[in-house]
Amino acid sequence: MPSSRMELQQFWKAQVQAFRESGQTVSLWCESNGINKSKLRYWIRKEDSVVEGSSEDNQVDWISAVIPASQGRSSLRISIGNIVIEASPDASRELFEIALRVLAAK
């Protein structure tokens, strides 16, 4: 059995890899290799958590994006179910208030 912590980790990493490559069940593999099932399961979980937390999984790739300049003032669009209200920048306040009152009444 390995003596140092590093040797222990390497030993179990090799055992987990051998188990996974075998295609056998935990019970069968452990029985034929003289390994305690609970220890193998522990090291499988430990190995999986190391892989999940690896820096490759958490790496951020930046991309460039070109956002076109706004062409004047934008319009407003409100959708509620199958009802749609669109208001252009030059729409009167009164028209918008009427539309809102009609919606509120429904």
PDB file of N, CA and C in Angstrom:
ATOM      1  N   MET A   1       0.848  -1.177   0.000  1.00  0.00           N
ATOM      2  CA  MET A   1       0.000   0.000   0.000  1.00  0.00           C
ATOM      3  C   MET A   1       0.896   1.245   0.000  1.00  0.00           C
ATOM      4  N   PRO A   2       0.511   2.297  -0.703  1.00  0.00           N
ATOM      5  CA  PRO A   2       1.326   3.517  -0.781  1.00  0.00           C
ATOM      6  C   PRO A   2       1.510   4.164   0.591  1.00  0.00           C
ATOM      7  N   SER A   3       2.666   4.837   0.761  1.00  0.00           N
ATOM      8  CA  SER A   3       2.958   5.425   2.069  1.00  0.00           C
ATOM      9  C   SER A   3       2.658   6.923   2.134  1.00  0.00           C
ATOM     10  N   SER A   4       2.946   7.662   1.090  1.00  0.00           N
ATOM     11  CA  SER A   4       2.694   9.107   1.133  1.00  0.00           C
ATOM     12  C   SER A   4       1.308   9.439   0.569  1.00  0.00           C
ATOM     13  N   ARG A   5       0.870  10.637   0.869  1.00  0.00           N
ATOM     14  CA  ARG A   5      -0.448  11.082   0.397  1.00  0.00           C
ATOM     15  C   ARG A   5      -0.502  11.105  -1.134  1.00  0.00           C
ATOM     16  N   MET A   6       0.580  11.578  -1.747  1.00  0.00           N
ATOM     17  CA  MET A   6       0.650  11.646  -3.207  1.00  0.00           C
ATOM     18  C   MET A   6       0.594  10.244  -3.811  1.00  0.00           C
ATOM     19  N   GLU A   7       1.328   9.315  -3.221  1.00  0.00           N
ATOM     20  CA  GLU A   7       1.313   7.932  -3.700  1.00  0.00           C
ATOM     21  C   GLU A   7      -0.069   7.314  -3.539  1.00  0.00           C
ATOM     22  N   LEU A   8      -0.734   7.641  -2.428  1.00  0.00           N
ATOM     23  CA  LEU A   8      -2.077   7.128  -2.171  1.00  0.00           C
ATOM     24  C   LEU A   8      -3.055   7.630  -3.239  1.00  0.00           C
ATOM     25  N   GLN A   9      -2.977   8.916  -3.552  1.00  0.00           N
ATOM     26  CA  GLN A   9      -3.857   9.481  -4.579  1.00  0.00           C
ATOM     27  C   GLN A   9      -3.589   8.846  -5.943  1.00  0.00           C
ATOM     28  N   GLN A  10      -2.315   8.659  -6.267  1.00  0.00           N
ATOM     29  CA  GLN A  10      -1.970   8.035  -7.548  1.00  0.00           C
ATOM     30  C   GLN A  10      -2.441   6.584  -7.598  1.00  0.00           C
ATOM     31  N   PHE A  11      -2.291   5.867  -6.486  1.00  0.00           N
ATOM     32  CA  PHE A  11      -2.734   4.482  -6.417  1.00  0.00           C
ATOM     33  C   PHE A  11      -4.231   4.394  -6.690  1.00  0.00           C
ATOM     34  N   TRP A  12      -5.018   5.227  -5.973  1.00  0.00           N
ATOM     35  CA  TRP A  12      -6.464   5.156  -6.133  1.00  0.00           C
ATOM     36  C   TRP A  12      -6.931   5.689  -7.483  1.00  0.00           C
ATOM     37  N   LYS A  13      -6.223   6.642  -8.024  1.00  0.00           N
ATOM     38  CA  LYS A  13      -6.564   7.127  -9.369  1.00  0.00           C
ATOM     39  C   LYS A  13      -6.417   5.983 -10.370  1.00  0.00           C
ATOM     40  N   ALA A  14      -5.347   5.213 -10.224  1.00  0.00           N
ATOM     41  CA  ALA A  14      -5.126   4.059 -11.101  1.00  0.00           C
ATOM     42  C   ALA A  14      -6.198   2.990 -10.877  1.00  0.00           C
ATOM     43  N   GLN A  15      -6.591   2.775  -9.609  1.00  0.00           N
ATOM     44  CA  GLN A  15      -7.623   1.779  -9.310  1.00  0.00           C
ATOM     45  C   GLN A  15      -8.969   2.188  -9.915  1.00  0.00           C
ATOM     46  N   VAL A  16      -9.330   3.457  -9.771  1.00  0.00           N
ATOM     47  CA  VAL A  16     -10.596   3.954 -10.327  1.00  0.00           C
ATOM     48  C   VAL A  16     -10.589   3.816 -11.844  1.00  0.00           C
ATOM     49  N   GLN A  17      -9.460   4.157 -12.463  1.00  0.00           N
ATOM     50  CA  GLN A  17      -9.355   4.034 -13.918  1.00  0.00           C
ATOM     51  C   GLN A  17      -9.477   2.571 -14.343  1.00  0.00           C
ATOM     52  N   ALA A  18      -8.810   1.674 -13.632  1.00  0.00           N
ATOM     53  CA  ALA A  18      -8.880   0.245 -13.958  1.00  0.00           C
ATOM     54  C   ALA A  18     -10.307  -0.270 -13.803  1.00  0.00           C
ATOM     55  N   PHE A  19     -10.989   0.159 -12.744  1.00  0.00           N
ATOM     56  CA  PHE A  19     -12.380  -0.245 -12.541  1.00  0.00           C
ATOM     57  C   PHE A  19     -13.247   0.237 -13.699  1.00  0.00           C
ATOM     58  N   ARG A  20     -13.120   1.495 -14.071  1.00  0.00           N
ATOM     59  CA  ARG A  20     -13.956   2.054 -15.144  1.00  0.00           C
ATOM     60  C   ARG A  20     -13.693   1.365 -16.477  1.00  0.00           C
ATOM     61  N   GLU A  21     -12.448   1.049 -16.739  1.00  0.00           N
ATOM     62  CA  GLU A  21     -12.102   0.379 -17.995  1.00  0.00           C
ATOM     63  C   GLU A  21     -12.560  -1.072 -18.018  1.00  0.00           C
ATOM     64  N   SER A  22     -12.763  -1.665 -16.845  1.00  0.00           N
ATOM     65  CA  SER A  22     -13.142  -3.083 -16.774  1.00  0.00           C
ATOM     66  C   SER A  22     -14.572  -3.331 -17.243  1.00  0.00           C
ATOM     67  N   GLY A  23     -15.450  -2.362 -17.030  1.00  0.00           N
ATOM     68  CA  GLY A  23     -16.853  -2.551 -17.384  1.00  0.00           C
ATOM     69  C   GLY A  23     -17.608  -3.431 -16.396  1.00  0.00           C
ATOM     70  N   GLN A  24     -16.962  -3.808 -15.312  1.00  0.00           N
ATOM     71  CA  GLN A  24     -17.579  -4.670 -14.302  1.00  0.00           C
ATOM     72  C   GLN A  24     -18.347  -3.843 -13.274  1.00  0.00           C
ATOM     73  N   THR A  25     -19.176  -4.531 -12.499  1.00  0.00           N
ATOM     74  CA  THR A  25     -19.858  -3.875 -11.388  1.00  0.00           C
ATOM     75  C   THR A  25     -18.845  -3.629 -10.275  1.00  0.00           C
ATOM     76  N   VAL A  26     -19.183  -2.735  -9.362  1.00  0.00           N
ATOM     77  CA  VAL A  26     -18.299  -2.451  -8.229  1.00  0.00           C
ATOM     78  C   VAL A  26     -18.051  -3.727  -7.430  1.00  0.00           C
ATOM     79  N   SER A  27     -19.117  -4.462  -7.153  1.00  0.00           N
ATOM     80  CA  SER A  27     -18.981  -5.685  -6.343  1.00  0.00           C
ATOM     81  C   SER A  27     -18.044  -6.691  -6.995  1.00  0.00           C
ATOM     82  N   LEU A  28     -18.264  -6.970  -8.262  1.00  0.00           N
ATOM     83  CA  LEU A  28     -17.454  -7.965  -8.966  1.00  0.00           C
ATOM     84  C   LEU A  28     -16.001  -7.524  -9.071  1.00  0.00           C
ATOM     85  N   TRP A  29     -15.773  -6.257  -9.436  1.00  0.00           N
ATOM     86  CA  TRP A  29     -14.406  -5.767  -9.602  1.00  0.00           C
ATOM     87  C   TRP A  29     -13.666  -5.785  -8.265  1.00  0.00           C
ATOM     88  N   CYS A  30     -14.330  -5.320  -7.211  1.00  0.00           N
ATOM     89  CA  CYS A  30     -13.684  -5.282  -5.891  1.00  0.00           C
ATOM     90  C   CYS A  30     -13.353  -6.685  -5.391  1.00  0.00           C
ATOM     91  N   GLU A  31     -14.268  -7.618  -5.618  1.00  0.00           N
ATOM     92  CA  GLU A  31     -14.028  -8.996  -5.183  1.00  0.00           C
ATOM     93  C   GLU A  31     -12.828  -9.596  -5.903  1.00  0.00           C
ATOM     94  N   SER A  32     -12.737  -9.366  -7.207  1.00  0.00           N
ATOM     95  CA  SER A  32     -11.635  -9.964  -7.966  1.00  0.00           C
ATOM     96  C   SER A  32     -10.310  -9.225  -7.768  1.00  0.00           C
ATOM     97  N   ASN A  33     -10.344  -8.001  -7.214  1.00  0.00           N
ATOM     98  CA  ASN A  33      -9.111  -7.235  -7.010  1.00  0.00           C
ATOM     99  C   ASN A  33      -8.760  -7.026  -5.538  1.00  0.00           C
ATOM    100  N   GLY A  34      -9.560  -7.611  -4.647  1.00  0.00           N
ATOM    101  CA  GLY A  34      -9.257  -7.500  -3.218  1.00  0.00           C
ATOM    102  C   GLY A  34      -9.355  -6.081  -2.677  1.00  0.00           C
ATOM    103  N   ILE A  35     -10.298  -5.314  -3.206  1.00  0.00           N
ATOM    104  CA  ILE A  35     -10.478  -3.914  -2.793  1.00  0.00           C
ATOM    105  C   ILE A  35     -11.801  -3.784  -2.048  1.00  0.00           C
ATOM    106  N   ASN A  36     -11.816  -2.967  -1.006  1.00  0.00           N
ATOM    107  CA  ASN A  36     -13.023  -2.691  -0.237  1.00  0.00           C
ATOM    108  C   ASN A  36     -13.969  -1.831  -1.089  1.00  0.00           C
ATOM    109  N   LYS A  37     -15.244  -2.250  -1.194  1.00  0.00           N
ATOM    110  CA  LYS A  37     -16.218  -1.539  -2.044  1.00  0.00           C
ATOM    111  C   LYS A  37     -16.429  -0.094  -1.609  1.00  0.00           C
ATOM    112  N   SER A  38     -16.548   0.129  -0.316  1.00  0.00           N
ATOM    113  CA  SER A  38     -16.814   1.499   0.146  1.00  0.00           C
ATOM    114  C   SER A  38     -15.628   2.419  -0.130  1.00  0.00           C
ATOM    115  N   LYS A  39     -14.414   1.876  -0.051  1.00  0.00           N
ATOM    116  CA  LYS A  39     -13.236   2.696  -0.363  1.00  0.00           C
ATOM    117  C   LYS A  39     -13.205   3.042  -1.850  1.00  0.00           C
ATOM    118  N   LEU A  40     -13.532   2.058  -2.690  1.00  0.00           N
ATOM    119  CA  LEU A  40     -13.553   2.340  -4.128  1.00  0.00           C
ATOM    120  C   LEU A  40     -14.592   3.406  -4.442  1.00  0.00           C
ATOM    121  N   ARG A  41     -15.783   3.284  -3.867  1.00  0.00           N
ATOM    122  CA  ARG A  41     -16.838   4.285  -4.109  1.00  0.00           C
ATOM    123  C   ARG A  41     -16.400   5.674  -3.634  1.00  0.00           C
ATOM    124  N   TYR A  42     -15.733   5.730  -2.491  1.00  0.00           N
ATOM    125  CA  TYR A  42     -15.226   6.999  -1.967  1.00  0.00           C
ATOM    126  C   TYR A  42     -14.274   7.644  -2.969  1.00  0.00           C
ATOM    127  N   TRP A  43     -13.333   6.854  -3.481  1.00  0.00           N
ATOM    128  CA  TRP A  43     -12.343   7.407  -4.399  1.00  0.00           C
ATOM    129  C   TRP A  43     -12.948   7.730  -5.759  1.00  0.00           C
ATOM    130  N   ILE A  44     -13.983   7.026  -6.161  1.00  0.00           N
ATOM    131  CA  ILE A  44     -14.688   7.379  -7.404  1.00  0.00           C
ATOM    132  C   ILE A  44     -15.333   8.757  -7.234  1.00  0.00           C
ATOM    133  N   ARG A  45     -16.025   8.968  -6.105  1.00  0.00           N
ATOM    134  CA  ARG A  45     -16.643  10.285  -5.840  1.00  0.00           C
ATOM    135  C   ARG A  45     -15.582  11.375  -5.779  1.00  0.00           C
ATOM    136  N   LYS A  46     -14.482  11.081  -5.125  1.00  0.00           N
ATOM    137  CA  LYS A  46     -13.394  12.052  -4.986  1.00  0.00           C
ATOM    138  C   LYS A  46     -12.816  12.397  -6.362  1.00  0.00           C
ATOM    139  N   GLU A  47     -12.599  11.406  -7.189  1.00  0.00           N
ATOM    140  CA  GLU A  47     -12.074  11.617  -8.541  1.00  0.00           C
ATOM    141  C   GLU A  47     -13.058  12.432  -9.377  1.00  0.00           C
ATOM    142  N   ASP A  48     -14.351  12.113  -9.270  1.00  0.00           N
ATOM    143  CA  ASP A  48     -15.371  12.849 -10.024  1.00  0.00           C
ATOM    144  C   ASP A  48     -15.429  14.312  -9.594  1.00  0.00           C
ATOM    145  N   SER A  49     -15.280  14.578  -8.291  1.00  0.00           N
ATOM    146  CA  SER A  49     -15.337  15.963  -7.821  1.00  0.00           C
ATOM    147  C   SER A  49     -14.117  16.753  -8.276  1.00  0.00           C
ATOM    148  N   VAL A  50     -12.975  16.102  -8.414  1.00  0.00           N
ATOM    149  CA  VAL A  50     -11.777  16.770  -8.920  1.00  0.00           C
ATOM    150  C   VAL A  50     -11.979  17.137 -10.381  1.00  0.00           C
ATOM    151  N   VAL A  51     -12.569  16.234 -11.151  1.00  0.00           N
ATOM    152  CA  VAL A  51     -12.813  16.488 -12.571  1.00  0.00           C
ATOM    153  C   VAL A  51     -13.811  17.625 -12.740  1.00  0.00           C
ATOM    154  N   GLU A  52     -14.889  17.635 -11.930  1.00  0.00           N
ATOM    155  CA  GLU A  52     -15.896  18.691 -12.013  1.00  0.00           C
ATOM    156  C   GLU A  52     -15.312  20.052 -11.682  1.00  0.00           C
ATOM    157  N   GLY A  53     -14.409  20.114 -10.746  1.00  0.00           N
ATOM    158  CA  GLY A  53     -13.851  21.388 -10.315  1.00  0.00           C
ATOM    159  C   GLY A  53     -12.608  21.805 -11.072  1.00  0.00           C
ATOM    160  N   SER A  54     -12.267  21.092 -12.136  1.00  0.00           N
ATOM    161  CA  SER A  54     -11.049  21.423 -12.871  1.00  0.00           C
ATOM    162  C   SER A  54     -11.169  22.782 -13.536  1.00  0.00           C
ATOM    163  N   SER A  55     -10.037  23.426 -13.716  1.00  0.00           N
ATOM    164  CA  SER A  55     -10.040  24.777 -14.279  1.00  0.00           C
ATOM    165  C   SER A  55     -10.501  24.788 -15.728  1.00  0.00           C
ATOM    166  N   GLU A  56     -10.374  23.686 -16.439  1.00  0.00           N
ATOM    167  CA  GLU A  56     -10.831  23.638 -17.826  1.00  0.00           C
ATOM    168  C   GLU A  56     -12.339  23.834 -17.912  1.00  0.00           C
ATOM    169  N   ASP A  57     -13.084  23.258 -16.947  1.00  0.00           N
ATOM    170  CA  ASP A  57     -14.536  23.393 -16.950  1.00  0.00           C
ATOM    171  C   ASP A  57     -14.972  24.810 -16.623  1.00  0.00           C
ATOM    172  N   ASN A  58     -14.162  25.531 -15.858  1.00  0.00           N
ATOM    173  CA  ASN A  58     -14.532  26.864 -15.413  1.00  0.00           C
ATOM    174  C   ASN A  58     -13.906  27.964 -16.259  1.00  0.00           C
ATOM    175  N   GLN A  59     -13.262  27.603 -17.345  1.00  0.00           N
ATOM    176  CA  GLN A  59     -12.582  28.582 -18.179  1.00  0.00           C
ATOM    177  C   GLN A  59     -13.597  29.433 -18.930  1.00  0.00           C
ATOM    178  N   VAL A  60     -13.323  30.731 -19.010  1.00  0.00           N
ATOM    179  CA  VAL A  60     -14.197  31.661 -19.713  1.00  0.00           C
ATOM    180  C   VAL A  60     -13.544  32.020 -21.037  1.00  0.00           C
ATOM    181  N   ASP A  61     -14.295  31.901 -22.110  1.00  0.00           N
ATOM    182  CA  ASP A  61     -13.817  32.315 -23.421  1.00  0.00           C
ATOM    183  C   ASP A  61     -14.544  33.591 -23.805  1.00  0.00           C
ATOM    184  N   TRP A  62     -13.796  34.633 -24.065  1.00  0.00           N
ATOM    185  CA  TRP A  62     -14.386  35.913 -24.434  1.00  0.00           C
ATOM    186  C   TRP A  62     -14.569  35.969 -25.937  1.00  0.00           C
ATOM    187  N   ILE A  63     -15.655  36.587 -26.358  1.00  0.00           N
ATOM    188  CA  ILE A  63     -15.895  36.788 -27.781  1.00  0.00           C
ATOM    189  C   ILE A  63     -16.133  38.272 -28.012  1.00  0.00           C
ATOM    190  N   SER A  64     -15.917  38.700 -29.241  1.00  0.00           N
ATOM    191  CA  SER A  64     -16.216  40.095 -29.546  1.00  0.00           C
ATOM    192  C   SER A  64     -17.584  40.153 -30.210  1.00  0.00           C
ATOM    193  N   ALA A  65     -18.289  41.222 -29.950  1.00  0.00           N
ATOM    194  CA  ALA A  65     -19.619  41.396 -30.527  1.00  0.00           C
ATOM    195  C   ALA A  65     -19.738  42.816 -31.055  1.00  0.00           C
ATOM    196  N   VAL A  66     -20.306  42.930 -32.237  1.00  0.00           N
ATOM    197  CA  VAL A  66     -20.545  44.237 -32.826  1.00  0.00           C
ATOM    198  C   VAL A  66     -22.025  44.545 -32.661  1.00  0.00           C
ATOM    199  N   ILE A  67     -22.313  45.612 -31.946  1.00  0.00           N
ATOM    200  CA  ILE A  67     -23.697  46.010 -31.717  1.00  0.00           C
ATOM    201  C   ILE A  67     -23.963  47.243 -32.569  1.00  0.00           C
ATOM    202  N   PRO A  68     -24.908  47.127 -33.496  1.00  0.00           N
ATOM    203  CA  PRO A  68     -25.165  48.266 -34.380  1.00  0.00           C
ATOM    204  C   PRO A  68     -25.711  49.457 -33.592  1.00  0.00           C
ATOM    205  N   ALA A  69     -25.358  50.640 -34.065  1.00  0.00           N
ATOM    206  CA  ALA A  69     -25.834  51.865 -33.421  1.00  0.00           C
ATOM    207  C   ALA A  69     -27.342  51.981 -33.584  1.00  0.00           C
ATOM    208  N   SER A  70     -27.981  52.552 -32.596  1.00  0.00           N
ATOM    209  CA  SER A  70     -29.427  52.724 -32.618  1.00  0.00           C
ATOM    210  C   SER A  70     -29.815  53.715 -33.709  1.00  0.00           C
ATOM    211  N   GLN A  71     -30.871  53.408 -34.423  1.00  0.00           N
ATOM    212  CA  GLN A  71     -31.355  54.273 -35.492  1.00  0.00           C
ATOM    213  C   GLN A  71     -32.500  55.121 -34.942  1.00  0.00           C
ATOM    214  N   GLY A  72     -32.191  56.218 -34.319  1.00  0.00           N
ATOM    215  CA  GLY A  72     -33.243  57.071 -33.786  1.00  0.00           C
ATOM    216  C   GLY A  72     -33.819  56.500 -32.506  1.00  0.00           C
ATOM    217  N   ARG A  73     -35.022  56.884 -32.185  1.00  0.00           N
ATOM    218  CA  ARG A  73     -35.686  56.410 -30.972  1.00  0.00           C
ATOM    219  C   ARG A  73     -36.376  55.083 -31.255  1.00  0.00           C
ATOM    220  N   SER A  74     -36.395  54.214 -30.276  1.00  0.00           N
ATOM    221  CA  SER A  74     -37.005  52.899 -30.473  1.00  0.00           C
ATOM    222  C   SER A  74     -38.474  52.925 -30.093  1.00  0.00           C
ATOM    223  N   SER A  75     -39.198  51.936 -30.582  1.00  0.00           N
ATOM    224  CA  SER A  75     -40.622  51.841 -30.268  1.00  0.00           C
ATOM    225  C   SER A  75     -40.822  50.920 -29.070  1.00  0.00           C
ATOM    226  N   LEU A  76     -42.033  50.916 -28.548  1.00  0.00           N
ATOM    227  CA  LEU A  76     -42.383  50.099 -27.402  1.00  0.00           C
ATOM    228  C   LEU A  76     -43.360  49.025 -27.847  1.00  0.00           C
ATOM    229  N   ARG A  77     -43.134  47.791 -27.402  1.00  0.00           N
ATOM    230  CA  ARG A  77     -44.031  46.686 -27.740  1.00  0.00           C
ATOM    231  C   ARG A  77     -44.343  45.933 -26.454  1.00  0.00           C
ATOM    232  N   ILE A  78     -45.635  45.818 -26.132  1.00  0.00           N
ATOM    233  CA  ILE A  78     -46.082  45.094 -24.945  1.00  0.00           C
ATOM    234  C   ILE A  78     -46.960  43.945 -25.409  1.00  0.00           C
ATOM    235  N   SER A  79     -46.621  42.730 -24.978  1.00  0.00           N
ATOM    236  CA  SER A  79     -47.402  41.541 -25.323  1.00  0.00           C
ATOM    237  C   SER A  79     -47.933  40.916 -24.046  1.00  0.00           C
ATOM    238  N   ILE A  80     -49.246  40.698 -24.006  1.00  0.00           N
ATOM    239  CA  ILE A  80     -49.883  40.008 -22.889  1.00  0.00           C
ATOM    240  C   ILE A  80     -50.791  38.950 -23.506  1.00  0.00           C
ATOM    241  N   GLY A  81     -50.374  37.710 -23.431  1.00  0.00           N
ATOM    242  CA  GLY A  81     -51.134  36.641 -24.087  1.00  0.00           C
ATOM    243  C   GLY A  81     -51.152  36.886 -25.583  1.00  0.00           C
ATOM    244  N   ASN A  82     -52.364  36.947 -26.168  1.00  0.00           N
ATOM    245  CA  ASN A  82     -52.450  37.194 -27.610  1.00  0.00           C
ATOM    246  C   ASN A  82     -52.706  38.670 -27.922  1.00  0.00           C
ATOM    247  N   ILE A  83     -52.627  39.530 -26.909  1.00  0.00           N
ATOM    248  CA  ILE A  83     -52.824  40.964 -27.104  1.00  0.00           C
ATOM    249  C   ILE A  83     -51.462  41.632 -27.219  1.00  0.00           C
ATOM    250  N   VAL A  84     -51.301  42.475 -28.244  1.00  0.00           N
ATOM    251  CA  VAL A  84     -50.042  43.174 -28.473  1.00  0.00           C
ATOM    252  C   VAL A  84     -50.331  44.661 -28.627  1.00  0.00           C
ATOM    253  N   ILE A  85     -49.579  45.479 -27.917  1.00  0.00           N
ATOM    254  CA  ILE A  85     -49.667  46.931 -28.064  1.00  0.00           C
ATOM    255  C   ILE A  85     -48.308  47.406 -28.543  1.00  0.00           C
ATOM    256  N   GLU A  86     -48.312  48.139 -29.643  1.00  0.00           N
ATOM    257  CA  GLU A  86     -47.080  48.723 -30.152  1.00  0.00           C
ATOM    258  C   GLU A  86     -47.250  50.228 -30.186  1.00  0.00           C
ATOM    259  N   ALA A  87     -46.249  50.937 -29.697  1.00  0.00           N
ATOM    260  CA  ALA A  87     -46.295  52.398 -29.699  1.00  0.00           C
ATOM    261  C   ALA A  87     -44.997  52.927 -30.281  1.00  0.00           C
ATOM    262  N   SER A  88     -45.120  53.769 -31.276  1.00  0.00           N
ATOM    263  CA  SER A  88     -43.934  54.388 -31.866  1.00  0.00           C
ATOM    264  C   SER A  88     -43.537  55.584 -31.006  1.00  0.00           C
ATOM    265  N   PRO A  89     -42.319  56.077 -31.158  1.00  0.00           N
ATOM    266  CA  PRO A  89     -41.864  57.195 -30.336  1.00  0.00           C
ATOM    267  C   PRO A  89     -42.737  58.448 -30.473  1.00  0.00           C
ATOM    268  N   ASP A  90     -43.392  58.602 -31.615  1.00  0.00           N
ATOM    269  CA  ASP A  90     -44.207  59.802 -31.804  1.00  0.00           C
ATOM    270  C   ASP A  90     -45.676  59.589 -31.435  1.00  0.00           C
ATOM    271  N   ALA A  91     -46.032  58.442 -30.837  1.00  0.00           N
ATOM    272  CA  ALA A  91     -47.419  58.189 -30.430  1.00  0.00           C
ATOM    273  C   ALA A  91     -47.791  59.132 -29.288  1.00  0.00           C
ATOM    274  N   SER A  92     -49.048  59.554 -29.284  1.00  0.00           N
ATOM    275  CA  SER A  92     -49.483  60.493 -28.247  1.00  0.00           C
ATOM    276  C   SER A  92     -49.678  59.773 -26.915  1.00  0.00           C
ATOM    277  N   ARG A  93     -49.500  60.519 -25.868  1.00  0.00           N
ATOM    278  CA  ARG A  93     -49.672  59.976 -24.521  1.00  0.00           C
ATOM    279  C   ARG A  93     -51.119  59.539 -24.315  1.00  0.00           C
ATOM    280  N   GLU A  94     -52.057  60.298 -24.856  1.00  0.00           N
ATOM    281  CA  GLU A  94     -53.474  59.988 -24.707  1.00  0.00           C
ATOM    282  C   GLU A  94     -53.810  58.626 -25.315  1.00  0.00           C
ATOM    283  N   LEU A  95     -53.270  58.359 -26.492  1.00  0.00           N
ATOM    284  CA  LEU A  95     -53.519  57.082 -27.166  1.00  0.00           C
ATOM    285  C   LEU A  95     -53.001  55.918 -26.314  1.00  0.00           C
ATOM    286  N   PHE A  96     -51.831  56.104 -25.752  1.00  0.00           N
ATOM    287  CA  PHE A  96     -51.246  55.062 -24.918  1.00  0.00           C
ATOM    288  C   PHE A  96     -52.082  54.848 -23.652  1.00  0.00           C
ATOM    289  N   GLU A  97     -52.560  55.934 -23.036  1.00  0.00           N
ATOM    290  CA  GLU A  97     -53.406  55.823 -21.844  1.00  0.00           C
ATOM    291  C   GLU A  97     -54.714  55.098 -22.147  1.00  0.00           C
ATOM    292  N   ILE A  98     -55.300  55.375 -23.310  1.00  0.00           N
ATOM    293  CA  ILE A  98     -56.538  54.698 -23.712  1.00  0.00           C
ATOM    294  C   ILE A  98     -56.291  53.195 -23.843  1.00  0.00           C
ATOM    295  N   ALA A  99     -55.204  52.836 -24.491  1.00  0.00           N
ATOM    296  CA  ALA A  99     -54.876  51.421 -24.685  1.00  0.00           C
ATOM    297  C   ALA A  99     -54.688  50.719 -23.338  1.00  0.00           C
ATOM    298  N   LEU A 100     -54.033  51.386 -22.406  1.00  0.00           N
ATOM    299  CA  LEU A 100     -53.825  50.789 -21.082  1.00  0.00           C
ATOM    300  C   LEU A 100     -55.136  50.632 -20.324  1.00  0.00           C
ATOM    301  N   ARG A 101     -56.042  51.618 -20.445  1.00  0.00           N
ATOM    302  CA  ARG A 101     -57.342  51.513 -19.777  1.00  0.00           C
ATOM    303  C   ARG A 101     -58.153  50.351 -20.336  1.00  0.00           C
ATOM    304  N   VAL A 102     -58.108  50.166 -21.647  1.00  0.00           N
ATOM    305  CA  VAL A 102     -58.833  49.058 -22.278  1.00  0.00           C
ATOM    306  C   VAL A 102     -58.286  47.729 -21.764  1.00  0.00           C
ATOM    307  N   LEU A 103     -56.975  47.622 -21.681  1.00  0.00           N
ATOM    308  CA  LEU A 103     -56.366  46.386 -21.170  1.00  0.00           C
ATOM    309  C   LEU A 103     -56.735  46.147 -19.711  1.00  0.00           C
ATOM    310  N   ALA A 104     -56.731  47.191 -18.913  1.00  0.00           N
ATOM    311  CA  ALA A 104     -57.043  47.052 -17.494  1.00  0.00           C
ATOM    312  C   ALA A 104     -58.488  46.620 -17.285  1.00  0.00           C
ATOM    313  N   ALA A 105     -59.364  46.997 -18.197  1.00  0.00           N
ATOM    314  CA  ALA A 105     -60.781  46.652 -18.080  1.00  0.00           C
ATOM    315  C   ALA A 105     -61.035  45.186 -18.393  1.00  0.00           C
ATOM    316  N   LYS A 106     -60.159  44.542 -19.100  1.00  0.00           N
ATOM    317  CA  LYS A 106     -60.367  43.139 -19.502  1.00  0.00           C
ATOM    318  C   LYS A 106     -60.092  42.195 -18.389  1.00  0.00           C
TER     319      LYS A 106
END
